[in-house]
Amino acid sequence: MPTMTVQCYDSSFDFAPYARLPELLKRQTYLPHRDPGGALLMAVDHCFSIRGQGTVMTGTILQGALAVNDTVEIPALEVTKKVKSIQMFRQPVSGAMQGDRVGVCVTQFTPNC
């Protein structure tokens, strides 16, 4: 991995060698491959009830994909529930996939978290 020395601003500093810094950074970063295939696996880290709406489970989708009106299984509780809504960063979305951090609202479910 290439390294580049940096320092605080000095009026006599020559910025010319750093003109290639943006290109070096672009070459070192990448977008990971996200696969919507496979069964849904979501790491739920928090859940809470919203009166009149249902129960919201927040977490990260580790595998698969999810959409509004899908049926999800919660194996630890041996129940399946319908997805009422999905939010990502407080914005409603119609679906989410591997790597997304989401809040999933399901109905008729009492959180035991």
PDB file of N, CA and C in Angstrom:
ATOM      1  N   MET A   1       0.848  -1.168   0.000  1.00  0.00           N
ATOM      2  CA  MET A   1       0.000   0.000   0.000  1.00  0.00           C
ATOM      3  C   MET A   1       0.897   1.236   0.000  1.00  0.00           C
ATOM      4  N   PRO A   2       0.679   2.166  -0.921  1.00  0.00           N
ATOM      5  CA  PRO A   2       1.506   3.368  -0.958  1.00  0.00           C
ATOM      6  C   PRO A   2       1.238   4.251   0.252  1.00  0.00           C
ATOM      7  N   THR A   3       2.272   4.921   0.712  1.00  0.00           N
ATOM      8  CA  THR A   3       2.124   5.868   1.817  1.00  0.00           C
ATOM      9  C   THR A   3       2.523   7.247   1.333  1.00  0.00           C
ATOM     10  N   MET A   4       1.992   8.250   1.995  1.00  0.00           N
ATOM     11  CA  MET A   4       2.286   9.621   1.624  1.00  0.00           C
ATOM     12  C   MET A   4       2.397  10.437   2.901  1.00  0.00           C
ATOM     13  N   THR A   5       3.475  11.156   3.067  1.00  0.00           N
ATOM     14  CA  THR A   5       3.694  11.984   4.240  1.00  0.00           C
ATOM     15  C   THR A   5       2.873  13.261   4.126  1.00  0.00           C
ATOM     16  N   VAL A   6       2.274  13.676   5.235  1.00  0.00           N
ATOM     17  CA  VAL A   6       1.517  14.930   5.259  1.00  0.00           C
ATOM     18  C   VAL A   6       1.964  15.741   6.461  1.00  0.00           C
ATOM     19  N   GLN A   7       1.670  17.031   6.433  1.00  0.00           N
ATOM     20  CA  GLN A   7       2.021  17.900   7.550  1.00  0.00           C
ATOM     21  C   GLN A   7       1.053  19.064   7.600  1.00  0.00           C
ATOM     22  N   CYS A   8       1.112  19.839   8.681  1.00  0.00           N
ATOM     23  CA  CYS A   8       0.268  21.029   8.801  1.00  0.00           C
ATOM     24  C   CYS A   8       0.685  22.058   7.755  1.00  0.00           C
ATOM     25  N   TYR A   9      -0.208  22.949   7.438  1.00  0.00           N
ATOM     26  CA  TYR A   9       0.035  23.958   6.409  1.00  0.00           C
ATOM     27  C   TYR A   9       1.193  24.875   6.790  1.00  0.00           C
ATOM     28  N   ASP A  10       2.039  25.114   5.841  1.00  0.00           N
ATOM     29  CA  ASP A  10       3.164  26.033   5.978  1.00  0.00           C
ATOM     30  C   ASP A  10       3.178  26.858   4.695  1.00  0.00           C
ATOM     31  N   SER A  11       3.298  28.167   4.806  1.00  0.00           N
ATOM     32  CA  SER A  11       3.213  29.030   3.622  1.00  0.00           C
ATOM     33  C   SER A  11       4.290  28.710   2.585  1.00  0.00           C
ATOM     34  N   SER A  12       5.388  28.121   3.002  1.00  0.00           N
ATOM     35  CA  SER A  12       6.444  27.783   2.042  1.00  0.00           C
ATOM     36  C   SER A  12       6.308  26.345   1.518  1.00  0.00           C
ATOM     37  N   PHE A  13       5.251  25.669   1.905  1.00  0.00           N
ATOM     38  CA  PHE A  13       5.064  24.261   1.538  1.00  0.00           C
ATOM     39  C   PHE A  13       4.731  24.127   0.057  1.00  0.00           C
ATOM     40  N   ASP A  14       5.335  23.157  -0.588  1.00  0.00           N
ATOM     41  CA  ASP A  14       5.091  22.882  -2.005  1.00  0.00           C
ATOM     42  C   ASP A  14       4.015  21.795  -2.117  1.00  0.00           C
ATOM     43  N   PHE A  15       2.838  22.153  -2.640  1.00  0.00           N
ATOM     44  CA  PHE A  15       1.721  21.220  -2.750  1.00  0.00           C
ATOM     45  C   PHE A  15       1.791  20.338  -3.998  1.00  0.00           C
ATOM     46  N   ALA A  16       2.679  20.616  -4.904  1.00  0.00           N
ATOM     47  CA  ALA A  16       2.739  19.888  -6.178  1.00  0.00           C
ATOM     48  C   ALA A  16       2.821  18.366  -6.013  1.00  0.00           C
ATOM     49  N   PRO A  17       3.658  17.839  -5.115  1.00  0.00           N
ATOM     50  CA  PRO A  17       3.728  16.373  -5.000  1.00  0.00           C
ATOM     51  C   PRO A  17       2.411  15.739  -4.524  1.00  0.00           C
ATOM     52  N   TYR A  18       1.553  16.520  -3.917  1.00  0.00           N
ATOM     53  CA  TYR A  18       0.306  15.983  -3.376  1.00  0.00           C
ATOM     54  C   TYR A  18      -0.855  16.047  -4.363  1.00  0.00           C
ATOM     55  N   ALA A  19      -0.600  16.524  -5.543  1.00  0.00           N
ATOM     56  CA  ALA A  19      -1.655  16.613  -6.554  1.00  0.00           C
ATOM     57  C   ALA A  19      -2.186  15.229  -6.910  1.00  0.00           C
ATOM     58  N   ARG A  20      -1.381  14.203  -6.726  1.00  0.00           N
ATOM     59  CA  ARG A  20      -1.822  12.851  -7.063  1.00  0.00           C
ATOM     60  C   ARG A  20      -2.522  12.146  -5.900  1.00  0.00           C
ATOM     61  N   LEU A  21      -2.646  12.800  -4.750  1.00  0.00           N
ATOM     62  CA  LEU A  21      -3.274  12.182  -3.582  1.00  0.00           C
ATOM     63  C   LEU A  21      -4.703  11.703  -3.851  1.00  0.00           C
ATOM     64  N   PRO A  22      -5.568  12.504  -4.484  1.00  0.00           N
ATOM     65  CA  PRO A  22      -6.924  12.000  -4.753  1.00  0.00           C
ATOM     66  C   PRO A  22      -6.928  10.717  -5.586  1.00  0.00           C
ATOM     67  N   GLU A  23      -6.043  10.628  -6.568  1.00  0.00           N
ATOM     68  CA  GLU A  23      -5.986   9.424  -7.398  1.00  0.00           C
ATOM     69  C   GLU A  23      -5.495   8.223  -6.592  1.00  0.00           C
ATOM     70  N   LEU A  24      -4.522   8.425  -5.728  1.00  0.00           N
ATOM     71  CA  LEU A  24      -4.049   7.334  -4.869  1.00  0.00           C
ATOM     72  C   LEU A  24      -5.172   6.831  -3.965  1.00  0.00           C
ATOM     73  N   LEU A  25      -5.935   7.738  -3.408  1.00  0.00           N
ATOM     74  CA  LEU A  25      -7.045   7.349  -2.533  1.00  0.00           C
ATOM     75  C   LEU A  25      -8.113   6.581  -3.303  1.00  0.00           C
ATOM     76  N   LYS A  26      -8.414   7.017  -4.513  1.00  0.00           N
ATOM     77  CA  LYS A  26      -9.414   6.323  -5.332  1.00  0.00           C
ATOM     78  C   LYS A  26      -8.985   4.894  -5.644  1.00  0.00           C
ATOM     79  N   ARG A  27      -7.694   4.695  -5.895  1.00  0.00           N
ATOM     80  CA  ARG A  27      -7.203   3.353  -6.217  1.00  0.00           C
ATOM     81  C   ARG A  27      -7.224   2.423  -5.006  1.00  0.00           C
ATOM     82  N   GLN A  28      -7.146   2.979  -3.807  1.00  0.00           N
ATOM     83  CA  GLN A  28      -7.096   2.159  -2.602  1.00  0.00           C
ATOM     84  C   GLN A  28      -8.475   1.841  -2.027  1.00  0.00           C
ATOM     85  N   THR A  29      -9.515   2.483  -2.527  1.00  0.00           N
ATOM     86  CA  THR A  29     -10.858   2.233  -2.012  1.00  0.00           C
ATOM     87  C   THR A  29     -11.681   1.477  -3.047  1.00  0.00           C
ATOM     88  N   TYR A  30     -12.707   0.807  -2.576  1.00  0.00           N
ATOM     89  CA  TYR A  30     -13.578   0.063  -3.479  1.00  0.00           C
ATOM     90  C   TYR A  30     -14.945  -0.085  -2.830  1.00  0.00           C
ATOM     91  N   LEU A  31     -15.925  -0.364  -3.644  1.00  0.00           N
ATOM     92  CA  LEU A  31     -17.255  -0.689  -3.144  1.00  0.00           C
ATOM     93  C   LEU A  31     -17.345  -2.205  -3.044  1.00  0.00           C
ATOM     94  N   PRO A  32     -17.713  -2.721  -1.880  1.00  0.00           N
ATOM     95  CA  PRO A  32     -17.793  -4.171  -1.749  1.00  0.00           C
ATOM     96  C   PRO A  32     -18.923  -4.747  -2.588  1.00  0.00           C
ATOM     97  N   HIS A  33     -18.764  -5.987  -3.003  1.00  0.00           N
ATOM     98  CA  HIS A  33     -19.812  -6.684  -3.751  1.00  0.00           C
ATOM     99  C   HIS A  33     -20.963  -6.983  -2.801  1.00  0.00           C
ATOM    100  N   ARG A  34     -22.171  -6.639  -3.204  1.00  0.00           N
ATOM    101  CA  ARG A  34     -23.351  -6.887  -2.385  1.00  0.00           C
ATOM    102  C   ARG A  34     -24.260  -7.844  -3.137  1.00  0.00           C
ATOM    103  N   ASP A  35     -24.557  -8.959  -2.503  1.00  0.00           N
ATOM    104  CA  ASP A  35     -25.339 -10.012  -3.138  1.00  0.00           C
ATOM    105  C   ASP A  35     -26.720 -10.099  -2.503  1.00  0.00           C
ATOM    106  N   PRO A  36     -27.782  -9.781  -3.259  1.00  0.00           N
ATOM    107  CA  PRO A  36     -29.129  -9.858  -2.697  1.00  0.00           C
ATOM    108  C   PRO A  36     -29.680 -11.279  -2.643  1.00  0.00           C
ATOM    109  N   GLY A  37     -28.930 -12.237  -3.153  1.00  0.00           N
ATOM    110  CA  GLY A  37     -29.405 -13.616  -3.187  1.00  0.00           C
ATOM    111  C   GLY A  37     -29.295 -14.299  -1.834  1.00  0.00           C
ATOM    112  N   GLY A  38     -29.932 -15.428  -1.736  1.00  0.00           N
ATOM    113  CA  GLY A  38     -29.871 -16.217  -0.509  1.00  0.00           C
ATOM    114  C   GLY A  38     -30.946 -15.816   0.481  1.00  0.00           C
ATOM    115  N   ALA A  39     -31.049 -16.604   1.519  1.00  0.00           N
ATOM    116  CA  ALA A  39     -32.044 -16.343   2.566  1.00  0.00           C
ATOM    117  C   ALA A  39     -31.645 -15.114   3.375  1.00  0.00           C
ATOM    118  N   LEU A  40     -32.642 -14.402   3.862  1.00  0.00           N
ATOM    119  CA  LEU A  40     -32.386 -13.208   4.667  1.00  0.00           C
ATOM    120  C   LEU A  40     -31.738 -13.597   5.989  1.00  0.00           C
ATOM    121  N   LEU A  41     -30.660 -12.898   6.326  1.00  0.00           N
ATOM    122  CA  LEU A  41     -30.014 -13.032   7.626  1.00  0.00           C
ATOM    123  C   LEU A  41     -29.725 -11.621   8.104  1.00  0.00           C
ATOM    124  N   MET A  42     -30.359 -11.237   9.207  1.00  0.00           N
ATOM    125  CA  MET A  42     -30.215  -9.872   9.721  1.00  0.00           C
ATOM    126  C   MET A  42     -29.771  -9.933  11.172  1.00  0.00           C
ATOM    127  N   ALA A  43     -28.717  -9.192  11.500  1.00  0.00           N
ATOM    128  CA  ALA A  43     -28.244  -9.087  12.876  1.00  0.00           C
ATOM    129  C   ALA A  43     -29.037  -7.971  13.552  1.00  0.00           C
ATOM    130  N   VAL A  44     -30.015  -8.344  14.343  1.00  0.00           N
ATOM    131  CA  VAL A  44     -30.872  -7.367  15.025  1.00  0.00           C
ATOM    132  C   VAL A  44     -30.196  -6.964  16.327  1.00  0.00           C
ATOM    133  N   ASP A  45     -30.017  -5.651  16.517  1.00  0.00           N
ATOM    134  CA  ASP A  45     -29.369  -5.193  17.739  1.00  0.00           C
ATOM    135  C   ASP A  45     -30.294  -4.421  18.672  1.00  0.00           C
ATOM    136  N   HIS A  46     -31.498  -4.096  18.196  1.00  0.00           N
ATOM    137  CA  HIS A  46     -32.417  -3.324  19.035  1.00  0.00           C
ATOM    138  C   HIS A  46     -33.830  -3.531  18.515  1.00  0.00           C
ATOM    139  N   CYS A  47     -34.798  -3.554  19.411  1.00  0.00           N
ATOM    140  CA  CYS A  47     -36.191  -3.586  18.977  1.00  0.00           C
ATOM    141  C   CYS A  47     -37.048  -2.827  19.982  1.00  0.00           C
ATOM    142  N   PHE A  48     -38.109  -2.228  19.459  1.00  0.00           N
ATOM    143  CA  PHE A  48     -38.991  -1.417  20.297  1.00  0.00           C
ATOM    144  C   PHE A  48     -40.350  -1.323  19.631  1.00  0.00           C
ATOM    145  N   SER A  49     -41.373  -1.029  20.435  1.00  0.00           N
ATOM    146  CA  SER A  49     -42.740  -0.901  19.923  1.00  0.00           C
ATOM    147  C   SER A  49     -43.064   0.549  19.626  1.00  0.00           C
ATOM    148  N   ILE A  50     -43.859   0.755  18.588  1.00  0.00           N
ATOM    149  CA  ILE A  50     -44.430   2.066  18.283  1.00  0.00           C
ATOM    150  C   ILE A  50     -45.937   1.868  18.286  1.00  0.00           C
ATOM    151  N   ARG A  51     -46.597   2.504  19.236  1.00  0.00           N
ATOM    152  CA  ARG A  51     -48.037   2.331  19.394  1.00  0.00           C
ATOM    153  C   ARG A  51     -48.770   2.645  18.092  1.00  0.00           C
ATOM    154  N   GLY A  52     -49.621   1.735  17.689  1.00  0.00           N
ATOM    155  CA  GLY A  52     -50.410   1.914  16.480  1.00  0.00           C
ATOM    156  C   GLY A  52     -49.696   1.543  15.191  1.00  0.00           C
ATOM    157  N   GLN A  53     -48.415   1.228  15.275  1.00  0.00           N
ATOM    158  CA  GLN A  53     -47.639   0.880  14.076  1.00  0.00           C
ATOM    159  C   GLN A  53     -47.172  -0.567  14.103  1.00  0.00           C
ATOM    160  N   GLY A  54     -46.535  -0.951  15.186  1.00  0.00           N
ATOM    161  CA  GLY A  54     -45.991  -2.297  15.301  1.00  0.00           C
ATOM    162  C   GLY A  54     -44.679  -2.280  16.046  1.00  0.00           C
ATOM    163  N   THR A  55     -43.865  -3.269  15.786  1.00  0.00           N
ATOM    164  CA  THR A  55     -42.561  -3.395  16.431  1.00  0.00           C
ATOM    165  C   THR A  55     -41.471  -3.151  15.401  1.00  0.00           C
ATOM    166  N   VAL A  56     -40.502  -2.324  15.777  1.00  0.00           N
ATOM    167  CA  VAL A  56     -39.379  -2.001  14.899  1.00  0.00           C
ATOM    168  C   VAL A  56     -38.155  -2.770  15.377  1.00  0.00           C
ATOM    169  N   MET A  57     -37.526  -3.476  14.454  1.00  0.00           N
ATOM    170  CA  MET A  57     -36.265  -4.165  14.722  1.00  0.00           C
ATOM    171  C   MET A  57     -35.186  -3.453  13.913  1.00  0.00           C
ATOM    172  N   THR A  58     -34.130  -3.007  14.574  1.00  0.00           N
ATOM    173  CA  THR A  58     -33.042  -2.339  13.864  1.00  0.00           C
ATOM    174  C   THR A  58     -31.836  -3.266  13.801  1.00  0.00           C
ATOM    175  N   GLY A  59     -31.110  -3.183  12.706  1.00  0.00           N
ATOM    176  CA  GLY A  59     -29.916  -4.006  12.558  1.00  0.00           C
ATOM    177  C   GLY A  59     -29.342  -3.926  11.158  1.00  0.00           C
ATOM    178  N   THR A  60     -28.408  -4.806  10.885  1.00  0.00           N
ATOM    179  CA  THR A  60     -27.702  -4.842   9.608  1.00  0.00           C
ATOM    180  C   THR A  60     -28.026  -6.144   8.884  1.00  0.00           C
ATOM    181  N   ILE A  61     -28.337  -6.022   7.609  1.00  0.00           N
ATOM    182  CA  ILE A  61     -28.612  -7.209   6.798  1.00  0.00           C
ATOM    183  C   ILE A  61     -27.271  -7.828   6.399  1.00  0.00           C
ATOM    184  N   LEU A  62     -27.037  -9.039   6.871  1.00  0.00           N
ATOM    185  CA  LEU A  62     -25.776  -9.733   6.606  1.00  0.00           C
ATOM    186  C   LEU A  62     -25.818 -10.560   5.331  1.00  0.00           C
ATOM    187  N   GLN A  63     -27.027 -10.968   4.939  1.00  0.00           N
ATOM    188  CA  GLN A  63     -27.185 -11.822   3.754  1.00  0.00           C
ATOM    189  C   GLN A  63     -28.591 -11.642   3.217  1.00  0.00           C
ATOM    190  N   GLY A  64     -28.715 -11.699   1.899  1.00  0.00           N
ATOM    191  CA  GLY A  64     -30.032 -11.654   1.277  1.00  0.00           C
ATOM    192  C   GLY A  64     -30.590 -10.255   1.117  1.00  0.00           C
ATOM    193  N   ALA A  65     -31.903 -10.198   0.934  1.00  0.00           N
ATOM    194  CA  ALA A  65     -32.598  -8.933   0.707  1.00  0.00           C
ATOM    195  C   ALA A  65     -33.955  -8.985   1.390  1.00  0.00           C
ATOM    196  N   LEU A  66     -34.578  -7.817   1.480  1.00  0.00           N
ATOM    197  CA  LEU A  66     -35.834  -7.665   2.198  1.00  0.00           C
ATOM    198  C   LEU A  66     -36.644  -6.590   1.503  1.00  0.00           C
ATOM    199  N   ALA A  67     -37.963  -6.772   1.434  1.00  0.00           N
ATOM    200  CA  ALA A  67     -38.842  -5.776   0.820  1.00  0.00           C
ATOM    201  C   ALA A  67     -40.112  -5.655   1.652  1.00  0.00           C
ATOM    202  N   VAL A  68     -40.775  -4.515   1.506  1.00  0.00           N
ATOM    203  CA  VAL A  68     -42.058  -4.312   2.168  1.00  0.00           C
ATOM    204  C   VAL A  68     -43.019  -5.398   1.691  1.00  0.00           C
ATOM    205  N   ASN A  69     -43.825  -5.909   2.591  1.00  0.00           N
ATOM    206  CA  ASN A  69     -44.803  -6.986   2.380  1.00  0.00           C
ATOM    207  C   ASN A  69     -44.181  -8.380   2.339  1.00  0.00           C
ATOM    208  N   ASP A  70     -42.855  -8.496   2.466  1.00  0.00           N
ATOM    209  CA  ASP A  70     -42.236  -9.814   2.596  1.00  0.00           C
ATOM    210  C   ASP A  70     -42.621 -10.416   3.945  1.00  0.00           C
ATOM    211  N   THR A  71     -42.549 -11.722   4.022  1.00  0.00           N
ATOM    212  CA  THR A  71     -42.734 -12.408   5.295  1.00  0.00           C
ATOM    213  C   THR A  71     -41.358 -12.818   5.794  1.00  0.00           C
ATOM    214  N   VAL A  72     -41.063 -12.478   7.051  1.00  0.00           N
ATOM    215  CA  VAL A  72     -39.766 -12.812   7.631  1.00  0.00           C
ATOM    216  C   VAL A  72     -39.956 -13.782   8.792  1.00  0.00           C
ATOM    217  N   GLU A  73     -38.988 -14.644   8.950  1.00  0.00           N
ATOM    218  CA  GLU A  73     -39.009 -15.605  10.051  1.00  0.00           C
ATOM    219  C   GLU A  73     -38.077 -15.114  11.150  1.00  0.00           C
ATOM    220  N   ILE A  74     -38.554 -15.206  12.382  1.00  0.00           N
ATOM    221  CA  ILE A  74     -37.730 -14.888  13.545  1.00  0.00           C
ATOM    222  C   ILE A  74     -37.521 -16.219  14.270  1.00  0.00           C
ATOM    223  N   PRO A  75     -36.451 -16.944  13.914  1.00  0.00           N
ATOM    224  CA  PRO A  75     -36.279 -18.318  14.381  1.00  0.00           C
ATOM    225  C   PRO A  75     -36.206 -18.463  15.901  1.00  0.00           C
ATOM    226  N   ALA A  76     -35.561 -17.528  16.576  1.00  0.00           N
ATOM    227  CA  ALA A  76     -35.419 -17.646  18.030  1.00  0.00           C
ATOM    228  C   ALA A  76     -36.770 -17.645  18.732  1.00  0.00           C
ATOM    229  N   LEU A  77     -37.763 -17.006  18.133  1.00  0.00           N
ATOM    230  CA  LEU A  77     -39.098 -16.929  18.727  1.00  0.00           C
ATOM    231  C   LEU A  77     -40.094 -17.840  18.023  1.00  0.00           C
ATOM    232  N   GLU A  78     -39.635 -18.517  16.978  1.00  0.00           N
ATOM    233  CA  GLU A  78     -40.471 -19.434  16.197  1.00  0.00           C
ATOM    234  C   GLU A  78     -41.738 -18.763  15.672  1.00  0.00           C
ATOM    235  N   VAL A  79     -41.566 -17.573  15.075  1.00  0.00           N
ATOM    236  CA  VAL A  79     -42.698 -16.848  14.483  1.00  0.00           C
ATOM    237  C   VAL A  79     -42.305 -16.325  13.106  1.00  0.00           C
ATOM    238  N   THR A  80     -43.299 -16.097  12.267  1.00  0.00           N
ATOM    239  CA  THR A  80     -43.107 -15.408  10.996  1.00  0.00           C
ATOM    240  C   THR A  80     -44.016 -14.194  11.002  1.00  0.00           C
ATOM    241  N   LYS A  81     -43.517 -13.088  10.483  1.00  0.00           N
ATOM    242  CA  LYS A  81     -44.271 -11.838  10.472  1.00  0.00           C
ATOM    243  C   LYS A  81     -44.115 -11.140   9.132  1.00  0.00           C
ATOM    244  N   LYS A  82     -45.112 -10.326   8.794  1.00  0.00           N
ATOM    245  CA  LYS A  82     -45.100  -9.564   7.546  1.00  0.00           C
ATOM    246  C   LYS A  82     -44.425  -8.215   7.786  1.00  0.00           C
ATOM    247  N   VAL A  83     -43.582  -7.809   6.839  1.00  0.00           N
ATOM    248  CA  VAL A  83     -42.884  -6.524   6.928  1.00  0.00           C
ATOM    249  C   VAL A  83     -43.854  -5.418   6.525  1.00  0.00           C
ATOM    250  N   LYS A  84     -44.120  -4.518   7.448  1.00  0.00           N
ATOM    251  CA  LYS A  84     -45.036  -3.407   7.190  1.00  0.00           C
ATOM    252  C   LYS A  84     -44.310  -2.243   6.523  1.00  0.00           C
ATOM    253  N   SER A  85     -43.111  -1.931   7.006  1.00  0.00           N
ATOM    254  CA  SER A  85     -42.336  -0.831   6.424  1.00  0.00           C
ATOM    255  C   SER A  85     -40.858  -1.026   6.739  1.00  0.00           C
ATOM    256  N   ILE A  86     -40.025  -0.320   5.964  1.00  0.00           N
ATOM    257  CA  ILE A  86     -38.573  -0.362   6.145  1.00  0.00           C
ATOM    258  C   ILE A  86     -38.062   1.070   6.092  1.00  0.00           C
ATOM    259  N   GLN A  87     -37.147   1.396   6.992  1.00  0.00           N
ATOM    260  CA  GLN A  87     -36.496   2.704   6.954  1.00  0.00           C
ATOM    261  C   GLN A  87     -34.986   2.520   6.945  1.00  0.00           C
ATOM    262  N   MET A  88     -34.329   3.417   6.214  1.00  0.00           N
ATOM    263  CA  MET A  88     -32.882   3.443   6.164  1.00  0.00           C
ATOM    264  C   MET A  88     -32.467   4.891   6.410  1.00  0.00           C
ATOM    265  N   PHE A  89     -31.744   5.139   7.470  1.00  0.00           N
ATOM    266  CA  PHE A  89     -31.345   6.491   7.856  1.00  0.00           C
ATOM    267  C   PHE A  89     -32.557   7.418   7.938  1.00  0.00           C
ATOM    268  N   ARG A  90     -33.608   6.928   8.601  1.00  0.00           N
ATOM    269  CA  ARG A  90     -34.856   7.661   8.868  1.00  0.00           C
ATOM    270  C   ARG A  90     -35.653   8.019   7.618  1.00  0.00           C
ATOM    271  N   GLN A  91     -35.355   7.366   6.512  1.00  0.00           N
ATOM    272  CA  GLN A  91     -36.096   7.573   5.270  1.00  0.00           C
ATOM    273  C   GLN A  91     -36.773   6.263   4.883  1.00  0.00           C
ATOM    274  N   PRO A  92     -38.065   6.317   4.521  1.00  0.00           N
ATOM    275  CA  PRO A  92     -38.729   5.082   4.100  1.00  0.00           C
ATOM    276  C   PRO A  92     -38.150   4.572   2.783  1.00  0.00           C
ATOM    277  N   VAL A  93     -37.981   3.262   2.698  1.00  0.00           N
ATOM    278  CA  VAL A  93     -37.506   2.615   1.477  1.00  0.00           C
ATOM    279  C   VAL A  93     -38.386   1.399   1.210  1.00  0.00           C
ATOM    280  N   SER A  94     -38.422   0.966  -0.039  1.00  0.00           N
ATOM    281  CA  SER A  94     -39.258  -0.188  -0.387  1.00  0.00           C
ATOM    282  C   SER A  94     -38.520  -1.507  -0.194  1.00  0.00           C
ATOM    283  N   GLY A  95     -37.203  -1.448  -0.115  1.00  0.00           N
ATOM    284  CA  GLY A  95     -36.433  -2.667   0.060  1.00  0.00           C
ATOM    285  C   GLY A  95     -35.022  -2.371   0.535  1.00  0.00           C
ATOM    286  N   ALA A  96     -34.324  -3.423   0.946  1.00  0.00           N
ATOM    287  CA  ALA A  96     -32.945  -3.300   1.413  1.00  0.00           C
ATOM    288  C   ALA A  96     -32.233  -4.611   1.108  1.00  0.00           C
ATOM    289  N   MET A  97     -30.901  -4.562   1.118  1.00  0.00           N
ATOM    290  CA  MET A  97     -30.131  -5.760   0.803  1.00  0.00           C
ATOM    291  C   MET A  97     -28.887  -5.849   1.665  1.00  0.00           C
ATOM    292  N   GLN A  98     -28.114  -6.889   1.437  1.00  0.00           N
ATOM    293  CA  GLN A  98     -26.903  -7.164   2.198  1.00  0.00           C
ATOM    294  C   GLN A  98     -26.069  -5.901   2.390  1.00  0.00           C
ATOM    295  N   GLY A  99     -25.676  -5.639   3.626  1.00  0.00           N
ATOM    296  CA  GLY A  99     -24.843  -4.486   3.938  1.00  0.00           C
ATOM    297  C   GLY A  99     -25.613  -3.274   4.407  1.00  0.00           C
ATOM    298  N   ASP A 100     -26.923  -3.251   4.203  1.00  0.00           N
ATOM    299  CA  ASP A 100     -27.726  -2.094   4.603  1.00  0.00           C
ATOM    300  C   ASP A 100     -28.054  -2.145   6.090  1.00  0.00           C
ATOM    301  N   ARG A 101     -28.034  -0.987   6.715  1.00  0.00           N
ATOM    302  CA  ARG A 101     -28.473  -0.835   8.105  1.00  0.00           C
ATOM    303  C   ARG A 101     -29.893  -0.305   8.039  1.00  0.00           C
ATOM    304  N   VAL A 102     -30.842  -1.031   8.642  1.00  0.00           N
ATOM    305  CA  VAL A 102     -32.256  -0.707   8.477  1.00  0.00           C
ATOM    306  C   VAL A 102     -33.029  -0.823   9.782  1.00  0.00           C
ATOM    307  N   GLY A 103     -34.210  -0.214   9.744  1.00  0.00           N
ATOM    308  CA  GLY A 103     -35.235  -0.426  10.750  1.00  0.00           C
ATOM    309  C   GLY A 103     -36.394  -1.101  10.041  1.00  0.00           C
ATOM    310  N   VAL A 104     -36.834  -2.245  10.554  1.00  0.00           N
ATOM    311  CA  VAL A 104     -37.901  -3.021   9.922  1.00  0.00           C
ATOM    312  C   VAL A 104     -39.084  -3.062  10.872  1.00  0.00           C
ATOM    313  N   CYS A 105     -40.241  -2.592  10.398  1.00  0.00           N
ATOM    314  CA  CYS A 105     -41.454  -2.593  11.212  1.00  0.00           C
ATOM    315  C   CYS A 105     -42.306  -3.802  10.842  1.00  0.00           C
ATOM    316  N   VAL A 106     -42.639  -4.608  11.846  1.00  0.00           N
ATOM    317  CA  VAL A 106     -43.531  -5.752  11.657  1.00  0.00           C
ATOM    318  C   VAL A 106     -44.737  -5.566  12.577  1.00  0.00           C
ATOM    319  N   THR A 107     -45.859  -6.133  12.182  1.00  0.00           N
ATOM    320  CA  THR A 107     -47.084  -5.971  12.966  1.00  0.00           C
ATOM    321  C   THR A 107     -47.353  -7.193  13.831  1.00  0.00           C
ATOM    322  N   GLN A 108     -48.196  -6.975  14.815  1.00  0.00           N
ATOM    323  CA  GLN A 108     -48.667  -8.039  15.706  1.00  0.00           C
ATOM    324  C   GLN A 108     -47.509  -8.847  16.292  1.00  0.00           C
ATOM    325  N   PHE A 109     -46.553  -8.132  16.840  1.00  0.00           N
ATOM    326  CA  PHE A 109     -45.375  -8.768  17.415  1.00  0.00           C
ATOM    327  C   PHE A 109     -44.960  -7.990  18.653  1.00  0.00           C
ATOM    328  N   THR A 110     -44.831  -8.673  19.771  1.00  0.00           N
ATOM    329  CA  THR A 110     -44.406  -8.037  21.011  1.00  0.00           C
ATOM    330  C   THR A 110     -42.908  -8.247  21.177  1.00  0.00           C
ATOM    331  N   PRO A 111     -42.147  -7.150  21.298  1.00  0.00           N
ATOM    332  CA  PRO A 111     -40.695  -7.309  21.414  1.00  0.00           C
ATOM    333  C   PRO A 111     -40.318  -7.921  22.760  1.00  0.00           C
ATOM    334  N   ASN A 112     -39.432  -8.874  22.716  1.00  0.00           N
ATOM    335  CA  ASN A 112     -38.889  -9.483  23.929  1.00  0.00           C
ATOM    336  C   ASN A 112     -37.404  -9.164  24.016  1.00  0.00           C
ATOM    337  N   CYS A 113     -37.058  -7.921  23.748  1.00  0.00           N
ATOM    338  CA  CYS A 113     -35.651  -7.536  23.706  1.00  0.00           C
ATOM    339  C   CYS A 113     -35.239  -6.887  25.013  1.00  0.00           C
TER     340      CYS A 113
END
